């Protein structure tokens, strides 16, 4: 993300898994936001408790999807966080 931001080519959306080997997805999203990333972030997680959702949003996620990910749910989450979606499913 650092390189993409430096080049002026950040992605429109970032799909971030919560469980990763070095940082959690929430920690990574928080760092992205501190670096100036303003794109949409959807957190992907197996943690479906309401307090998990609130924590991810507090760290900078625009939406949260619980695994396994359903394509229709993902498209709806993207739309709900302000993305313009046009595709045929």
C-alpha atoms as a PDB file:
ATOM      1  CA  UNK A   1       0.000   0.000   0.000  1.00  0.00           C
ATOM      2  CA  UNK A   2       2.882   2.363   0.755  1.00  0.00           C
ATOM      3  CA  UNK A   3       4.144   2.097  -2.819  1.00  0.00           C
ATOM      4  CA  UNK A   4       0.668   2.489  -4.310  1.00  0.00           C
ATOM      5  CA  UNK A   5       0.020   5.618  -2.252  1.00  0.00           C
ATOM      6  CA  UNK A   6       3.452   7.037  -3.117  1.00  0.00           C
ATOM      7  CA  UNK A   7       2.809   6.458  -6.847  1.00  0.00           C
ATOM      8  CA  UNK A   8      -0.615   8.079  -6.633  1.00  0.00           C
ATOM      9  CA  UNK A   9      -2.349   4.851  -7.672  1.00  0.00           C
ATOM     10  CA  UNK A  10      -4.177   3.582  -4.576  1.00  0.00           C
ATOM     11  CA  UNK A  11      -6.861   0.944  -5.150  1.00  0.00           C
ATOM     12  CA  UNK A  12     -10.525   1.967  -4.996  1.00  0.00           C
ATOM     13  CA  UNK A  13     -11.234  -0.844  -2.563  1.00  0.00           C
ATOM     14  CA  UNK A  14      -9.172  -3.069  -0.300  1.00  0.00           C
ATOM     15  CA  UNK A  15     -10.425  -6.489   0.819  1.00  0.00           C
ATOM     16  CA  UNK A  16      -8.588  -7.168   4.072  1.00  0.00           C
ATOM     17  CA  UNK A  17      -8.526 -10.504   5.858  1.00  0.00           C
ATOM     18  CA  UNK A  18      -8.500 -10.121   9.634  1.00  0.00           C
ATOM     19  CA  UNK A  19      -6.161 -13.023  10.380  1.00  0.00           C
ATOM     20  CA  UNK A  20      -2.724 -12.557   8.875  1.00  0.00           C
ATOM     21  CA  UNK A  21       0.707 -13.741  10.051  1.00  0.00           C
ATOM     22  CA  UNK A  22       2.438 -10.455  11.014  1.00  0.00           C
ATOM     23  CA  UNK A  23      -0.280  -7.844  11.594  1.00  0.00           C
ATOM     24  CA  UNK A  24      -3.993  -8.323  12.058  1.00  0.00           C
ATOM     25  CA  UNK A  25      -6.129  -6.935   9.288  1.00  0.00           C
ATOM     26  CA  UNK A  26      -7.397  -4.280  11.694  1.00  0.00           C
ATOM     27  CA  UNK A  27      -3.847  -3.149  12.472  1.00  0.00           C
ATOM     28  CA  UNK A  28      -3.038  -2.996   8.752  1.00  0.00           C
ATOM     29  CA  UNK A  29      -6.184  -0.962   7.992  1.00  0.00           C
ATOM     30  CA  UNK A  30      -5.341   1.439  10.799  1.00  0.00           C
ATOM     31  CA  UNK A  31      -1.855   1.910   9.329  1.00  0.00           C
ATOM     32  CA  UNK A  32      -3.307   2.412   5.827  1.00  0.00           C
ATOM     33  CA  UNK A  33      -5.589   5.149   7.159  1.00  0.00           C
ATOM     34  CA  UNK A  34      -2.664   6.816   8.961  1.00  0.00           C
ATOM     35  CA  UNK A  35      -0.748   6.811   5.650  1.00  0.00           C
ATOM     36  CA  UNK A  36      -3.639   8.636   3.996  1.00  0.00           C
ATOM     37  CA  UNK A  37      -5.517   5.820   2.235  1.00  0.00           C
ATOM     38  CA  UNK A  38      -9.078   7.044   1.679  1.00  0.00           C
ATOM     39  CA  UNK A  39     -10.416   4.152  -0.411  1.00  0.00           C
ATOM     40  CA  UNK A  40     -12.997   1.695   0.804  1.00  0.00           C
ATOM     41  CA  UNK A  41     -11.934  -1.193   3.057  1.00  0.00           C
ATOM     42  CA  UNK A  42     -13.956  -4.349   3.610  1.00  0.00           C
ATOM     43  CA  UNK A  43     -12.745  -6.516   6.466  1.00  0.00           C
ATOM     44  CA  UNK A  44     -13.110 -10.265   5.894  1.00  0.00           C
ATOM     45  CA  UNK A  45     -13.393 -12.281   9.086  1.00  0.00           C
ATOM     46  CA  UNK A  46     -14.681 -15.376  10.797  1.00  0.00           C
ATOM     47  CA  UNK A  47     -15.483 -13.244  13.874  1.00  0.00           C
ATOM     48  CA  UNK A  48     -19.167 -12.401  13.604  1.00  0.00           C
ATOM     49  CA  UNK A  49     -19.867 -10.825  17.001  1.00  0.00           C
ATOM     50  CA  UNK A  50     -21.273  -7.265  17.031  1.00  0.00           C
ATOM     51  CA  UNK A  51     -18.325  -6.043  19.122  1.00  0.00           C
ATOM     52  CA  UNK A  52     -15.939  -7.388  16.434  1.00  0.00           C
ATOM     53  CA  UNK A  53     -17.796  -5.384  13.791  1.00  0.00           C
ATOM     54  CA  UNK A  54     -17.593  -2.246  15.937  1.00  0.00           C
ATOM     55  CA  UNK A  55     -13.862  -2.765  16.554  1.00  0.00           C
ATOM     56  CA  UNK A  56     -13.106  -3.204  12.830  1.00  0.00           C
ATOM     57  CA  UNK A  57     -15.073  -0.077  11.963  1.00  0.00           C
ATOM     58  CA  UNK A  58     -13.264   1.862  14.703  1.00  0.00           C
ATOM     59  CA  UNK A  59      -9.950   0.791  13.112  1.00  0.00           C
ATOM     60  CA  UNK A  60     -11.022   2.219   9.751  1.00  0.00           C
ATOM     61  CA  UNK A  61     -12.955  -0.513   7.926  1.00  0.00           C
ATOM     62  CA  UNK A  62     -15.948   0.673   5.898  1.00  0.00           C
ATOM     63  CA  UNK A  63     -17.673  -2.695   6.068  1.00  0.00           C
ATOM     64  CA  UNK A  64     -17.302  -6.187   7.479  1.00  0.00           C
ATOM     65  CA  UNK A  65     -18.034  -9.517   5.792  1.00  0.00           C
ATOM     66  CA  UNK A  66     -18.138 -12.821   7.623  1.00  0.00           C
ATOM     67  CA  UNK A  67     -16.527 -15.879   6.024  1.00  0.00           C
ATOM     68  CA  UNK A  68     -17.420 -17.779   3.987  1.00  0.00           C
ATOM     69  CA  UNK A  69     -17.922 -14.812   1.677  1.00  0.00           C
ATOM     70  CA  UNK A  70     -21.011 -14.751  -0.520  1.00  0.00           C
ATOM     71  CA  UNK A  71     -20.616 -12.727  -3.737  1.00  0.00           C
ATOM     72  CA  UNK A  72     -24.027 -11.091  -3.394  1.00  0.00           C
ATOM     73  CA  UNK A  73     -23.228 -10.058   0.202  1.00  0.00           C
ATOM     74  CA  UNK A  74     -19.882  -8.640  -0.922  1.00  0.00           C
ATOM     75  CA  UNK A  75     -21.458  -6.582  -3.702  1.00  0.00           C
ATOM     76  CA  UNK A  76     -24.122  -5.300  -1.295  1.00  0.00           C
ATOM     77  CA  UNK A  77     -21.428  -4.374   1.278  1.00  0.00           C
ATOM     78  CA  UNK A  78     -19.490  -2.469  -1.400  1.00  0.00           C
ATOM     79  CA  UNK A  79     -22.635  -0.639  -2.428  1.00  0.00           C
ATOM     80  CA  UNK A  80     -23.461   0.143   1.213  1.00  0.00           C
ATOM     81  CA  UNK A  81     -20.064   1.761   1.729  1.00  0.00           C
ATOM     82  CA  UNK A  82     -20.557   4.054  -1.248  1.00  0.00           C
ATOM     83  CA  UNK A  83     -19.096   2.125  -4.180  1.00  0.00           C
ATOM     84  CA  UNK A  84     -20.846   2.253  -7.520  1.00  0.00           C
ATOM     85  CA  UNK A  85     -21.507  -1.334  -8.547  1.00  0.00           C
ATOM     86  CA  UNK A  86     -22.570  -2.373 -12.021  1.00  0.00           C
ATOM     87  CA  UNK A  87     -22.264  -6.029 -12.931  1.00  0.00           C
ATOM     88  CA  UNK A  88     -24.305  -9.072 -13.742  1.00  0.00           C
ATOM     89  CA  UNK A  89     -24.239 -11.881 -11.194  1.00  0.00           C
END
